[in-house]
Protein backbone atom coordinates (compact mmCIF):
# COMPACT_ATOMS: atom_id res chain seq x y z
CA MET A 1 66.99 107.91 180.41
CA THR A 2 64.05 106.27 182.15
CA LEU A 3 64.24 102.49 182.11
CA ALA A 4 61.99 99.87 183.73
CA LEU A 5 62.98 96.29 184.56
CA ALA A 6 60.52 93.49 185.25
CA VAL A 7 60.39 89.69 185.25
CA GLU A 8 57.55 87.89 183.46
CA ASN A 9 57.34 84.18 182.61
CA ASP A 10 61.07 83.49 182.98
CA GLU A 11 61.95 86.53 180.90
CA LEU A 12 63.60 89.80 181.79
CA VAL A 13 61.50 92.61 180.34
CA VAL A 14 63.24 95.92 179.68
CA GLU A 15 61.03 98.88 178.80
CA VAL A 16 62.17 102.29 177.58
CA PRO A 17 59.83 105.13 176.48
CA GLU A 18 59.40 105.48 172.71
CA HIS A 19 60.99 102.07 172.07
CA PRO A 20 59.51 98.58 171.92
CA SER A 21 60.12 96.51 175.03
CA VAL A 22 62.93 93.94 174.99
CA ARG A 23 62.42 90.46 176.42
CA LEU A 24 65.52 88.46 177.38
CA PRO A 25 65.41 84.82 178.53
CA LEU A 26 66.27 83.93 182.11
CA ALA A 27 66.59 80.20 181.39
CA GLY A 28 68.41 78.09 178.84
CA ALA A 29 71.51 78.89 176.81
CA SER A 30 72.68 82.50 176.52
CA ARG A 31 70.34 83.59 179.29
CA ALA A 32 70.49 86.89 181.14
CA SER A 33 72.42 86.32 184.34
CA ARG A 34 73.98 89.63 185.43
CA LEU A 35 73.12 93.31 185.67
CA LEU A 36 76.13 95.57 185.22
CA ILE A 37 76.32 99.24 186.15
CA PHE A 38 79.40 100.72 184.51
CA GLY A 39 81.12 104.08 184.41
CA TYR A 40 83.86 105.61 182.29
CA PRO A 41 85.44 109.07 182.02
CA GLY A 42 83.73 111.41 179.55
CA ARG A 43 84.11 115.05 178.63
CA GLY A 44 84.18 116.84 181.95
CA ARG A 45 82.25 114.16 183.84
CA THR A 46 81.87 110.45 184.36
CA ARG A 47 79.34 108.72 182.14
CA TYR A 48 77.32 105.77 183.42
CA GLY A 49 75.22 103.03 181.91
CA LEU A 50 73.45 99.74 182.56
CA ALA A 51 74.12 96.52 180.68
CA VAL A 52 72.57 93.05 180.80
CA LEU A 53 75.13 90.24 180.50
CA ASP A 54 74.74 86.54 179.79
CA GLU A 55 76.48 83.75 181.68
CA SER A 56 79.68 84.24 179.61
CA GLY A 57 79.85 87.94 180.41
CA LEU A 58 78.75 88.98 176.91
CA VAL A 59 76.46 91.96 176.41
CA MET A 60 72.81 91.30 175.61
CA LEU A 61 71.86 95.00 175.61
CA GLU A 62 73.17 98.32 176.94
CA ALA A 63 71.43 101.50 178.11
CA PRO A 64 73.45 104.67 178.81
CA GLY A 65 72.52 106.88 181.74
CA SER A 66 72.97 106.89 185.52
CA ARG A 67 70.66 104.82 187.70
CA SER A 68 70.29 104.01 191.37
CA ARG A 69 72.86 101.40 192.28
CA LYS A 70 70.84 100.26 195.29
CA ALA A 71 67.66 99.86 193.25
CA VAL A 72 69.36 97.83 190.51
CA GLU A 73 71.21 95.69 193.05
CA ALA A 74 67.97 95.03 194.95
CA PHE A 75 66.17 94.05 191.73
CA ALA A 76 68.97 91.67 190.80
CA ALA A 77 68.98 90.05 194.25
CA GLY A 78 65.19 89.69 194.23
CA ASN A 79 65.11 87.93 190.85
CA GLY A 80 68.12 85.60 191.07
CA LEU A 81 70.47 87.76 188.99
CA GLU A 82 74.05 88.70 189.74
CA PHE A 83 75.00 92.36 190.17
CA GLU A 84 78.29 94.06 189.31
CA PHE A 85 79.60 97.62 189.34
CA ARG A 86 82.56 98.25 187.04
CA ALA A 87 84.50 101.50 186.60
CA PHE A 88 86.48 101.62 183.35
CA ASP A 89 89.68 103.65 183.25
CA THR A 90 89.14 104.88 179.67
CA PRO A 91 86.24 105.14 177.19
CA GLN A 92 88.10 102.67 174.96
CA GLN A 93 87.91 99.99 177.65
CA ALA A 94 84.17 100.55 177.97
CA ARG A 95 83.63 100.31 174.21
CA VAL A 96 85.67 97.10 173.97
CA ALA A 97 83.64 95.49 176.76
CA LEU A 98 80.28 96.62 175.35
CA ALA A 99 81.18 95.40 171.85
CA ARG A 100 81.45 91.79 173.02
CA ARG A 101 77.98 90.77 171.90
CA SER A 102 75.94 87.84 173.12
CA PRO A 103 74.16 85.60 170.56
CA ARG A 104 70.92 87.12 171.87
CA TRP A 105 72.14 90.69 171.54
CA ARG A 106 69.35 93.08 170.64
CA ALA A 107 69.89 96.05 168.36
CA VAL A 108 68.06 98.66 170.37
CA THR A 109 68.80 102.39 170.09
CA TRP A 110 68.63 103.84 173.59
CA ARG A 111 69.98 107.30 172.90
CA ARG A 112 66.99 108.87 171.15
CA ALA A 113 63.91 108.00 169.14
CA PRO A 114 64.37 107.74 165.36
CA ALA A 115 63.83 111.01 163.51
CA PRO A 116 60.56 111.27 161.52
CA LEU A 117 62.46 112.52 158.46
CA PRO A 118 65.89 111.45 157.17
CA ARG A 119 68.72 113.78 158.10
CA LEU A 120 69.89 116.04 155.29
CA ARG A 121 73.58 115.29 154.85
CA VAL A 122 75.91 115.65 151.94
CA PRO A 123 77.32 112.14 151.46
CA GLY A 124 80.92 111.31 150.83
CA ALA A 125 83.88 110.68 153.07
CA ARG A 126 86.24 113.52 153.94
CA SER A 127 89.62 112.89 155.49
CA LEU A 128 90.36 114.83 158.65
CA ARG A 129 93.91 115.81 157.66
CA PRO A 130 95.42 116.73 154.30
CA PRO A 131 97.26 113.84 152.66
CA LEU A 132 101.01 113.95 152.34
CA GLY A 133 100.96 113.65 148.57
CA SER A 134 98.33 116.16 147.38
CA PRO A 135 97.27 118.66 150.05
CA LYS A 136 95.89 121.06 147.41
CA VAL A 137 93.24 118.52 146.44
CA TRP A 138 92.24 118.10 150.08
CA TRP A 139 91.88 121.84 150.68
CA ARG A 140 89.85 122.18 147.49
CA GLU A 141 87.47 119.48 148.75
CA GLN A 142 86.99 121.22 152.09
CA LEU A 143 86.33 124.56 150.36
CA LEU A 144 83.76 123.06 148.00
CA TYR A 145 82.05 121.29 150.89
CA VAL A 146 81.70 124.53 152.89
CA LEU A 147 80.59 126.51 149.83
CA MET A 148 77.93 123.94 148.99
CA TRP A 149 76.29 124.29 152.37
CA ALA A 150 76.68 128.08 152.34
CA VAL A 151 74.96 128.35 148.96
CA LEU A 152 72.23 125.95 150.03
CA GLY A 153 71.64 127.97 153.19
CA TYR A 154 71.48 131.19 151.21
CA GLY A 155 68.92 129.75 148.82
CA VAL A 156 66.69 128.38 151.55
CA ILE A 157 66.75 131.63 153.54
CA PHE A 158 66.09 133.78 150.48
CA VAL A 159 63.15 131.67 149.30
CA ALA A 160 61.72 131.60 152.83
CA LEU A 161 61.90 135.40 153.13
CA VAL A 162 60.22 135.88 149.77
CA PHE A 163 57.51 133.39 150.66
CA LEU A 164 56.84 135.19 153.95
CA ASN A 165 56.66 138.48 152.10
CA LEU A 166 54.19 137.10 149.58
CA THR A 167 51.95 135.63 152.28
CA ASP A 168 51.89 138.88 154.26
CA THR A 169 48.61 140.50 153.25
CA ARG A 170 49.64 143.85 154.71
CA ALA A 171 52.79 144.15 152.58
CA ASP A 172 53.07 145.52 149.07
CA VAL A 173 54.54 142.51 147.32
CA THR A 174 55.16 144.40 144.10
CA ARG A 175 57.49 146.88 145.77
CA GLY A 176 61.14 146.13 145.08
CA MET A 177 60.31 143.30 142.66
CA GLY A 178 62.30 144.71 139.76
CA PRO A 179 64.25 142.67 137.20
CA LEU A 180 67.17 142.18 139.59
CA ALA A 181 64.88 140.98 142.39
CA VAL A 182 63.13 138.54 140.07
CA ALA A 183 66.49 137.27 138.83
CA ALA A 184 67.68 136.84 142.43
CA LEU A 185 64.53 134.88 143.28
CA VAL A 186 64.98 132.61 140.27
CA LEU A 187 68.65 132.14 141.16
CA ALA A 188 67.77 131.22 144.75
CA GLY A 189 65.19 128.71 143.55
CA LEU A 190 67.67 127.16 141.14
CA THR A 191 70.22 127.03 143.97
CA VAL A 192 67.88 125.00 146.17
CA VAL A 193 66.93 122.66 143.32
CA GLY A 194 70.56 122.27 142.31
CA ALA A 195 71.66 121.50 145.86
CA VAL A 196 68.95 118.84 146.19
CA VAL A 197 70.04 117.31 142.88
CA VAL A 198 73.68 117.32 143.98
CA ILE A 199 72.77 115.60 147.24
CA GLY A 200 70.72 112.98 145.38
CA VAL A 201 73.54 112.34 142.91
CA GLY A 202 76.01 112.15 145.78
CA ARG A 203 73.94 109.54 147.56
CA ARG A 204 73.73 107.44 144.42
CA ARG A 205 77.49 107.77 143.98
CA SER A 206 77.87 106.66 147.59
CA ARG A 207 75.92 103.49 146.82
CA ASP A 208 78.07 102.95 143.74
CA ARG A 209 81.20 103.33 145.89
CA THR A 210 79.96 100.39 147.98
CA ALA A 211 79.46 98.24 144.88
CA GLN A 212 82.93 99.19 143.63
CA GLY A 213 84.62 98.31 146.91
CA ARG A 214 85.49 101.85 148.02
CA VAL A 215 83.06 102.01 150.97
CA LEU A 216 82.26 99.23 153.44
CA ARG A 217 79.13 99.52 155.59
CA ARG A 218 77.98 97.60 158.65
CA GLY A 219 74.42 96.35 158.54
CA GLY A 220 71.91 97.40 161.19
CA GLN A 221 72.27 99.87 164.03
CA PRO A 222 74.32 101.76 165.04
CA HIS A 223 75.65 102.89 161.66
CA CYS A 224 79.33 102.39 160.98
CA ARG A 225 81.43 102.29 157.82
CA LEU A 226 85.00 102.06 156.54
CA VAL A 227 86.21 104.25 153.69
CA VAL A 228 89.53 105.00 152.04
CA VAL A 229 90.25 108.65 151.19
CA HIS A 230 93.60 109.68 149.66
CA GLY A 231 95.13 106.40 150.77
CA ARG A 232 93.96 106.79 154.38
CA LEU A 233 91.67 104.22 156.01
CA LEU A 234 88.90 106.04 157.89
CA LEU A 235 86.30 104.71 160.30
CA GLU A 236 83.08 106.74 160.25
CA THR A 237 80.36 106.59 162.89
CA ALA A 238 77.43 108.87 163.66
CA ARG A 239 79.52 110.82 166.18
CA ARG A 240 83.00 111.06 164.73
CA THR A 241 85.51 110.05 162.05
CA ARG A 242 88.89 108.62 162.92
CA GLU A 243 91.87 107.43 160.94
CA LEU A 244 93.09 103.84 161.35
CA ASP A 245 96.62 102.62 160.81
CA ALA A 246 95.70 99.12 159.69
CA SER A 247 96.47 96.82 156.78
CA GLU A 248 94.31 93.75 157.42
CA LEU A 249 90.66 92.80 157.87
CA LEU A 250 89.46 89.70 159.69
CA LEU A 251 85.84 88.72 159.14
CA TYR A 252 84.78 86.26 161.84
CA SER A 253 81.76 84.17 162.71
CA ALA A 254 81.69 82.50 166.11
CA GLU A 255 80.10 79.11 166.62
CA SER A 256 77.40 80.80 168.73
CA GLY A 257 76.25 82.78 165.68
CA VAL A 258 77.93 86.11 166.51
CA THR A 259 79.63 87.85 163.58
CA GLY A 260 81.86 90.89 163.22
CA LEU A 261 84.99 92.45 161.80
CA LEU A 262 88.44 92.92 163.35
CA VAL A 263 90.53 95.67 161.77
CA GLY A 264 94.30 95.71 162.01
CA GLY A 265 94.74 92.49 163.93
CA GLY A 266 92.58 93.58 166.85
CA LEU A 267 93.18 97.31 166.58
CA PHE A 268 89.43 97.86 166.20
CA HIS A 269 86.55 95.49 166.86
CA LEU A 270 83.43 96.16 164.80
CA PRO A 271 80.73 93.63 165.74
CA GLY A 272 77.64 93.15 163.61
CA ARG A 273 76.61 92.04 160.16
CA TRP A 274 79.19 92.54 157.40
CA ASN A 275 78.66 91.20 153.90
CA ALA A 276 81.53 88.81 153.16
CA GLY A 277 81.65 89.72 149.46
CA ASP A 278 81.72 93.44 150.21
CA VAL A 279 84.48 92.99 152.79
CA GLU A 280 86.66 90.99 150.40
CA ARG A 281 86.03 93.45 147.56
CA PHE A 282 86.91 96.38 149.83
CA ALA A 283 90.10 94.71 151.04
CA VAL A 284 91.30 93.72 147.56
CA GLY A 285 90.45 97.10 146.05
CA ASN A 286 92.40 98.98 148.71
CA GLY A 287 95.40 96.72 149.15
CA LEU A 288 94.36 95.28 152.52
CA GLU A 289 94.88 91.71 153.65
CA PHE A 290 91.61 89.79 154.01
CA GLN A 291 90.87 86.72 156.07
CA ALA A 292 87.60 84.98 156.99
CA ARG A 293 87.58 82.65 159.99
CA SER A 294 85.15 80.59 162.00
CA LEU A 295 85.91 80.95 165.70
CA THR A 296 85.16 78.77 168.67
CA GLN A 297 83.56 80.41 171.66
CA GLU A 298 86.90 80.53 173.47
CA GLU A 299 88.65 82.11 170.48
CA TYR A 300 85.88 84.68 170.19
CA LEU A 301 86.21 85.64 173.85
CA ASP A 302 90.01 85.94 173.59
CA LEU A 303 90.06 87.98 170.37
CA THR A 304 87.36 90.44 171.39
CA ALA A 305 88.85 90.92 174.85
CA GLY A 306 92.24 91.84 173.34
CA ALA A 307 90.93 94.58 171.02
CA LYS A 308 92.35 98.08 171.49
CA ASP A 309 89.09 99.88 170.71
CA ALA A 310 85.64 99.09 169.34
CA VAL A 311 82.35 100.45 168.04
CA PRO A 312 79.62 98.59 169.97
């Protein structure tokens, strides 16, 4: 991804197409002091990125993508910034390092521009594996989920074909439109309307699950949430869903103003804004231990560095 760095009025200006520019201070507390080019093993190839760190080594922002090491190093040297190249052994190590946010961390999405329309997605958490107690219920859920999308796809395709046929001035639209064809068209229309209603009801139920302590969402970007399905604690992100073997939640706020959640005593670090009431309600409702702590800067650095994995 194309990225431009510049220095203006004691500020580091980072510009990316289709995103507003980010201005980071080069003086004062929590100032930008280092440019980091990092790499970690991905699927079939090594993935690279660029991060801006403050004087404590915390991440102010991160941009995935490979860039010229010589060009970045020359820019850092010409503007009084440190330069570092770091190769992580695993993706988990990279995520842990990138999740250690600076107080001036900026929530910027570098991967792609926001979609003009919301993504159509049937809400609701689905566990990846059948539970030990009631596998029949799990398989029934998977079957209903697949059938819902199959029926919705059938309805959309059928209505689209009929619409194209009706708008074709060269076609005889009355041919083949017997009672069965009319009934099929009505059924397809009802299918689409019903699927939309089901999705709307599902989204409202998803909001109710948050109020009832069955779903816990992180505020801001990138999206991340915790859910409990059939007694299993799941962590859902935009890319994947994974199961966590954890029994405690630690909600922290560092003296620098950084907040976040540690799951399972450091098993997973989830930085960002978490509503304290929602976290406590989620923990109590699902039999998890809950603790809220205020951390010093040193405690914050130690706890976040010792995490096993993270969602930056």
